[in-house]
Amino acid sequence: MPEVSVTDLGHDLYLIDAQMHDEAERLACYLFDTPNRVLIECGPSRTLDHLYRALDHVGVDDLAVMAVTHIHLDHAGGAGHLARRFPNAMIGVHAAGARHLVSPERLWDSATRIYSAQGMLDLWGPMEPLAENRLLVLDEGDAIPLGNGRAVEVMHTPGHAKHHIVFFEERTGACFVGDAVGIAFPHGHMVQPNTPPPDFDPILITEQLHRIAARQPAFLGFAHFGADPRPQATLARAEERLWEWVRWIEQVTPDDNIAELLRDWVLNDYRAQGYEEALIDRYDRNSFWPMQAAGIERWLSLRDQ
């Protein structure tokens, strides 16, 4: 794994490999090195040092804004630490998620029930509360200035999480999608749904996929991982795959091993499509299957009430 991995995407935009979990291509952060520097995503506190080294490499000593697509720990867990590192930076987040960065106890406790106390430290590292005066509360239609007449536009995109937002920038044509579309690793030519509870809603996700497509982006900036230059094909495949997963869960007899059954079905389908085992293993390692199954099951149960 290289000590620093920064890719120039053009027009003062850089993709930074944040090397989450000390592995390459687990989390992409995006930096606009413009008069008002804007960073999208920071990742968990445990591996912030990788991000800091990359920012130092580019020559960044200050940020105007660090904005997150949503507050899940792999995107925003280190927000409080980063705010301390860059005291002039505002932390951009949707209104529905802002309170959890100021008072992260509920978010932390909820995640601890899934990962265990030791797992939280091993995977994510601690969270630091964010001072309210450092919040930049964002919603549909807002814009984050970059300087020289440029701005990052905000779209509210619930479905993966109620507070999820994506960012669009006109000059680059970039749409930074967080987890709104799913995960799609470089060279794989496939996108996989990301369906955790409690907010997963495939109807809302489908609406957001259509809204993103209507913007005609030049590329999708995935958090997991990287720039996808085939946005329309990827968005169409994301919708198709999303509903394949929902229908599969819906048709399977309830089973205590539903997560393992989902995993086997997904990975065997990848094998049937001819994907290499190394790539299949990559998607497997980046999927917490109990959460994927639980999110779909929860949505189905609420739909049927």
Foldseek 3Di string as FASTA:
>chain_A
DDLWDWDDLDPQKIWTQLCALVHGLQFIKMWRPFPAIEIEFQAFPVRNVSVVVHCVVVPDQAHQEYEYQACQRRGNNAVQVVCVSHVNYAYEFAPVHLVCLQPVPVVVVVVCVVQPPVRCCSRGNHHDHDDPVSYDHDEAQDWADRDPPWTWGWYQQFAQHNGGIWTATPPSLEIEHEQLLAADTPPQPAGAHAFFDDRHDLVSSLVVLVVSVVSVGCWYQYRSHGTGRPSVVHSVRSNVNVVVLLVVLVPDDDDPCVLVVSLVVVLVVCVVVPDDPVVSVVVVVSHPSVRRSVRSVNNVVVVVD
